[in-house]
N, C-alpha and C. Protein backbone atom coordinates (compact mmCIF):
# COMPACT_ATOMS: atom_id res chain seq x y z
N UNK A 1 -8.15 5.78 -18.68
CA UNK A 1 -6.88 6.18 -18.12
C UNK A 1 -5.72 5.09 -18.70
N UNK A 2 -4.82 5.87 -18.55
CA UNK A 2 -3.47 5.63 -19.26
C UNK A 2 -3.05 4.41 -18.63
N UNK A 3 -1.92 4.04 -19.19
CA UNK A 3 -1.19 2.76 -18.02
C UNK A 3 0.03 3.92 -16.94
N UNK A 4 0.03 5.11 -17.62
CA UNK A 4 0.80 5.45 -16.46
C UNK A 4 0.23 6.38 -15.32
N UNK A 5 -1.42 6.50 -16.08
CA UNK A 5 -1.47 7.57 -15.07
C UNK A 5 -2.14 6.11 -14.04
N UNK A 6 -2.52 5.03 -14.61
CA UNK A 6 -2.86 4.30 -13.06
C UNK A 6 -1.90 3.50 -12.32
N UNK A 7 -0.61 3.70 -12.77
CA UNK A 7 0.72 3.77 -12.05
C UNK A 7 0.63 4.97 -10.76
N UNK A 8 0.67 5.80 -11.55
CA UNK A 8 0.48 7.23 -10.76
C UNK A 8 -0.42 7.31 -9.37
N UNK A 9 -1.54 6.90 -9.80
CA UNK A 9 -2.79 6.71 -8.89
C UNK A 9 -2.38 5.73 -7.84
N UNK A 10 -1.43 4.56 -8.28
CA UNK A 10 -1.48 3.93 -7.53
C UNK A 10 -0.70 4.28 -6.46
N UNK A 11 0.85 4.88 -7.16
CA UNK A 11 1.97 5.57 -5.89
C UNK A 11 1.47 6.33 -4.89
N UNK A 12 0.76 6.94 -5.79
CA UNK A 12 0.25 8.58 -4.87
C UNK A 12 -0.85 7.47 -3.39
N UNK A 13 -1.54 6.88 -4.02
CA UNK A 13 -1.96 5.88 -2.96
C UNK A 13 -1.02 5.49 -1.96
N UNK A 14 -0.59 4.63 -1.83
CA UNK A 14 0.48 3.69 -1.27
C UNK A 14 1.15 5.12 -0.98
N UNK A 15 2.36 5.79 -1.07
CA UNK A 15 2.45 6.66 -0.69
C UNK A 15 1.98 7.93 0.70
N UNK A 16 0.60 8.19 -0.01
CA UNK A 16 0.42 9.33 1.10
C UNK A 16 -0.24 7.94 2.12
N UNK A 17 -0.65 6.85 2.21
CA UNK A 17 -0.82 6.00 3.16
C UNK A 17 0.30 6.12 4.45
N UNK A 18 1.47 5.74 3.29
CA UNK A 18 2.98 5.87 4.37
C UNK A 18 2.98 6.96 5.10
N UNK A 19 2.89 8.16 4.31
CA UNK A 19 3.38 9.30 5.10
C UNK A 19 2.15 9.95 6.52
N UNK A 20 1.28 9.49 5.88
CA UNK A 20 -0.20 9.34 7.24
C UNK A 20 -0.19 8.75 7.96
N UNK A 21 0.96 7.51 8.09
CA UNK A 21 1.03 6.65 9.86
C UNK A 21 2.34 7.23 10.04
N UNK A 22 3.26 8.10 9.72
CA UNK A 22 4.45 8.12 10.25
C UNK A 22 4.19 8.95 11.46
N UNK A 23 4.84 8.22 12.17
CA UNK A 23 4.97 8.84 13.42
C UNK A 23 3.53 9.09 13.99
N UNK A 24 2.27 8.37 13.72
CA UNK A 24 1.05 8.58 14.17
C UNK A 24 0.72 8.08 15.83
N UNK A 25 -0.04 8.23 16.07
CA UNK A 25 0.03 7.65 17.54
C UNK A 25 -2.12 6.94 17.21
N UNK A 26 -2.75 7.72 16.42
CA UNK A 26 -4.10 7.06 16.50
C UNK A 26 -4.25 7.62 14.83
N UNK A 27 -5.29 6.87 14.54
CA UNK A 27 -6.07 7.04 13.34
C UNK A 27 -7.12 6.80 13.18
N UNK A 28 -8.03 7.60 11.94
CA UNK A 28 -9.25 6.63 11.38
C UNK A 28 -9.44 5.55 10.54
N UNK A 29 -10.62 4.92 10.69
CA UNK A 29 -10.59 3.35 9.85
C UNK A 29 -9.59 3.46 8.86
N UNK A 30 -8.76 1.96 8.27
CA UNK A 30 -7.99 2.65 6.90
C UNK A 30 -8.62 1.47 6.09
N UNK A 31 -9.74 0.51 6.43
CA UNK A 31 -10.18 -0.29 5.45
C UNK A 31 -10.36 -0.31 4.00
N UNK A 32 -11.04 1.00 4.04
CA UNK A 32 -11.19 1.48 2.00
C UNK A 32 -10.04 1.88 1.59
N UNK A 33 -8.63 2.41 2.41
CA UNK A 33 -7.76 2.91 1.89
C UNK A 33 -7.02 2.01 1.85
N UNK A 34 -7.00 0.49 2.42
CA UNK A 34 -6.51 -0.59 1.84
C UNK A 34 -6.54 -1.30 0.66
N UNK A 35 -8.20 -1.57 0.83
CA UNK A 35 -8.90 -1.96 -0.23
C UNK A 35 -8.81 -1.45 -1.55
N UNK A 36 -8.44 0.16 -1.94
CA UNK A 36 -8.23 0.51 -2.63
C UNK A 36 -6.89 0.43 -3.76
N UNK A 37 -5.52 0.24 -2.10
CA UNK A 37 -4.13 -0.01 -2.57
C UNK A 37 -4.54 -1.49 -3.38
N UNK A 38 -5.01 -2.38 -2.96
CA UNK A 38 -5.05 -3.80 -2.82
C UNK A 38 -5.84 -3.72 -4.85
N UNK A 39 -6.96 -3.07 -4.97
CA UNK A 39 -7.71 -2.96 -5.95
C UNK A 39 -6.88 -2.60 -7.20
N UNK A 40 -6.18 -1.04 -7.03
CA UNK A 40 -5.10 -0.85 -7.95
C UNK A 40 -4.21 -1.51 -8.27
N UNK A 41 -3.60 -2.09 -7.37
CA UNK A 41 -2.17 -2.82 -7.72
C UNK A 41 -2.76 -4.37 -8.44
N UNK A 42 -4.01 -5.03 -8.06
CA UNK A 42 -4.49 -5.98 -9.27
C UNK A 42 -4.87 -5.99 -10.10
N UNK A 43 -4.81 -4.42 -10.23
CA UNK A 43 -5.62 -3.68 -11.65
C UNK A 43 -4.52 -3.63 -12.72
N UNK A 44 -3.45 -2.99 -12.31
CA UNK A 44 -1.93 -2.86 -13.00
C UNK A 44 -1.32 -3.93 -13.98
N UNK A 45 -1.18 -3.86 -14.92
CA UNK A 45 -0.40 -4.40 -15.82
C UNK A 45 0.85 -5.21 -14.84
N UNK A 46 0.89 -6.21 -15.36
CA UNK A 46 1.91 -7.53 -14.76
C UNK A 46 3.54 -7.06 -15.03
N UNK A 47 3.46 -6.16 -16.33
CA UNK A 47 5.04 -5.57 -16.51
C UNK A 47 4.90 -4.45 -15.75
N UNK A 48 4.11 -3.81 -15.42
CA UNK A 48 4.26 -2.67 -14.67
C UNK A 48 4.40 -3.05 -12.91
N UNK A 49 3.67 -4.38 -12.49
CA UNK A 49 3.92 -4.98 -10.97
C UNK A 49 5.31 -5.29 -11.18
N UNK A 50 5.83 -6.26 -12.03
CA UNK A 50 7.14 -6.38 -12.09
C UNK A 50 8.19 -5.14 -11.66
N UNK A 51 8.29 -4.06 -12.48
CA UNK A 51 9.13 -3.16 -12.29
C UNK A 51 8.84 -1.77 -10.61
N UNK A 52 7.36 -2.50 -10.38
CA UNK A 52 7.87 -1.70 -9.29
C UNK A 52 7.92 -2.18 -8.28
N UNK A 53 8.06 -4.00 -7.98
CA UNK A 53 7.41 -4.64 -6.92
C UNK A 53 8.56 -4.59 -6.06
N UNK A 54 10.31 -3.56 -6.54
CA UNK A 54 10.95 -3.53 -4.96
C UNK A 54 10.68 -2.30 -4.14
N UNK A 55 10.20 -1.15 -5.11
CA UNK A 55 10.30 -0.38 -4.73
C UNK A 55 8.63 -0.13 -3.57
N UNK A 56 7.94 -0.65 -3.89
CA UNK A 56 6.74 -0.91 -3.48
C UNK A 56 6.91 -2.18 -2.06
N UNK A 57 7.23 -2.84 -2.16
CA UNK A 57 7.55 -3.96 -1.21
C UNK A 57 8.65 -3.12 0.02
N UNK A 58 9.14 -2.02 -0.44
CA UNK A 58 9.75 -0.94 0.67
C UNK A 58 9.27 -0.12 1.20
N UNK A 59 7.59 0.58 0.24
CA UNK A 59 6.79 1.60 0.99
C UNK A 59 5.86 0.42 1.65
N UNK A 60 5.32 -0.57 1.53
CA UNK A 60 4.03 -1.42 2.50
C UNK A 60 5.12 -1.74 3.61
N UNK A 61 6.66 -1.92 3.62
CA UNK A 61 7.32 -2.23 4.64
C UNK A 61 6.86 -0.87 5.92
N UNK A 62 7.70 0.11 5.27
CA UNK A 62 7.57 1.01 6.63
C UNK A 62 5.74 1.64 6.43
N UNK A 63 4.86 1.38 5.92
CA UNK A 63 3.73 0.97 6.41
C UNK A 63 3.46 0.46 7.29
N UNK A 64 4.15 -1.02 7.45
CA UNK A 64 3.64 -1.73 8.16
C UNK A 64 4.72 -0.99 9.83
N UNK A 65 5.54 -0.67 9.39
CA UNK A 65 6.63 -0.47 10.56
C UNK A 65 6.42 0.57 10.92
N UNK A 66 5.63 2.02 10.85
CA UNK A 66 5.29 2.95 10.86
C UNK A 66 3.61 2.74 11.63
N UNK A 67 2.77 1.89 11.09
CA UNK A 67 1.59 1.69 11.82
C UNK A 67 1.44 0.53 13.03
N UNK A 68 2.91 0.27 13.19
CA UNK A 68 3.01 -1.07 13.95
C UNK A 68 2.04 -0.74 15.28
N UNK A 69 2.08 0.40 15.92
CA UNK A 69 1.41 0.52 17.47
C UNK A 69 -0.41 0.87 17.27
N UNK A 70 -0.42 0.74 15.67
CA UNK A 70 -2.19 1.34 15.53
C UNK A 70 -2.78 0.56 14.47
N UNK A 71 -2.04 -0.16 13.92
CA UNK A 71 -2.94 -1.02 13.03
C UNK A 71 -3.15 -1.93 13.56
N UNK A 72 -4.66 -2.18 12.89
CA UNK A 72 -5.10 -3.65 13.16
C UNK A 72 -4.86 -4.83 13.29
N UNK A 73 -5.29 -5.92 13.63
CA UNK A 73 -4.54 -7.44 13.00
C UNK A 73 -4.82 -7.63 11.29
N UNK A 74 -6.50 -7.25 11.44
CA UNK A 74 -6.85 -7.70 10.11
C UNK A 74 -6.03 -6.53 8.73
N UNK A 75 -5.36 -5.81 8.91
CA UNK A 75 -4.92 -4.77 8.09
C UNK A 75 -3.61 -4.93 7.89
N UNK A 76 -3.12 -5.33 8.94
CA UNK A 76 -1.68 -6.11 9.09
C UNK A 76 -1.40 -6.90 8.24
N UNK A 77 -2.44 -8.22 8.18
CA UNK A 77 -2.72 -9.47 7.87
C UNK A 77 -2.52 -9.14 6.28
N UNK A 78 -3.41 -8.17 5.80
CA UNK A 78 -3.64 -7.51 4.40
C UNK A 78 -2.84 -7.22 3.99
N UNK A 79 -1.65 -6.07 4.64
CA UNK A 79 -0.56 -5.96 3.83
C UNK A 79 0.35 -6.79 4.19
N UNK A 80 0.77 -7.69 5.15
CA UNK A 80 1.96 -8.85 4.91
C UNK A 80 1.08 -9.78 3.56
N UNK A 81 -0.23 -9.96 3.16
CA UNK A 81 -0.48 -10.46 2.03
C UNK A 81 -0.03 -10.07 0.74
N UNK A 82 -0.65 -8.86 0.31
CA UNK A 82 0.25 -7.87 -0.46
C UNK A 82 1.86 -8.22 -0.40
N UNK A 83 2.26 -8.10 0.27
CA UNK A 83 3.64 -7.82 0.14
C UNK A 83 3.93 -9.17 -0.17
N UNK A 84 3.91 -10.07 0.32
CA UNK A 84 4.17 -11.91 0.10
C UNK A 84 3.61 -11.74 -1.60
N UNK A 85 3.24 -10.97 -1.99
CA UNK A 85 2.45 -11.48 -3.66
C UNK A 85 3.35 -10.94 -4.65
N UNK A 86 4.27 -9.87 -4.11
CA UNK A 86 5.19 -9.81 -4.75
C UNK A 86 6.10 -10.48 -5.65
C-alpha cells in the first residue's frame, strides 16, 4: 500500500467514526474502531502525521463532542491520549 493510500484509509476510518457518532443516542462497541485508528495513525510516516495533525485534531475533537453522552470512559481516554500526541 502506498503512502497516500494509507493516509486515505486512515482519514476514511476517522471520518466515518465522526459521522457515526453525530447525534447518536446509542451505539455498538467501538474498541476495534478506535484501535484501528490508533494503529493506522501510528503506522503513518512522520511527515504525513505532521501535515494532518491540525485537521486530525479537529476530527478527534468532533468525535469526542458527538460521543460525549455515549462513549465510555476508556474510549474517551484513548481519544484524549491520541489527541495529546498530535
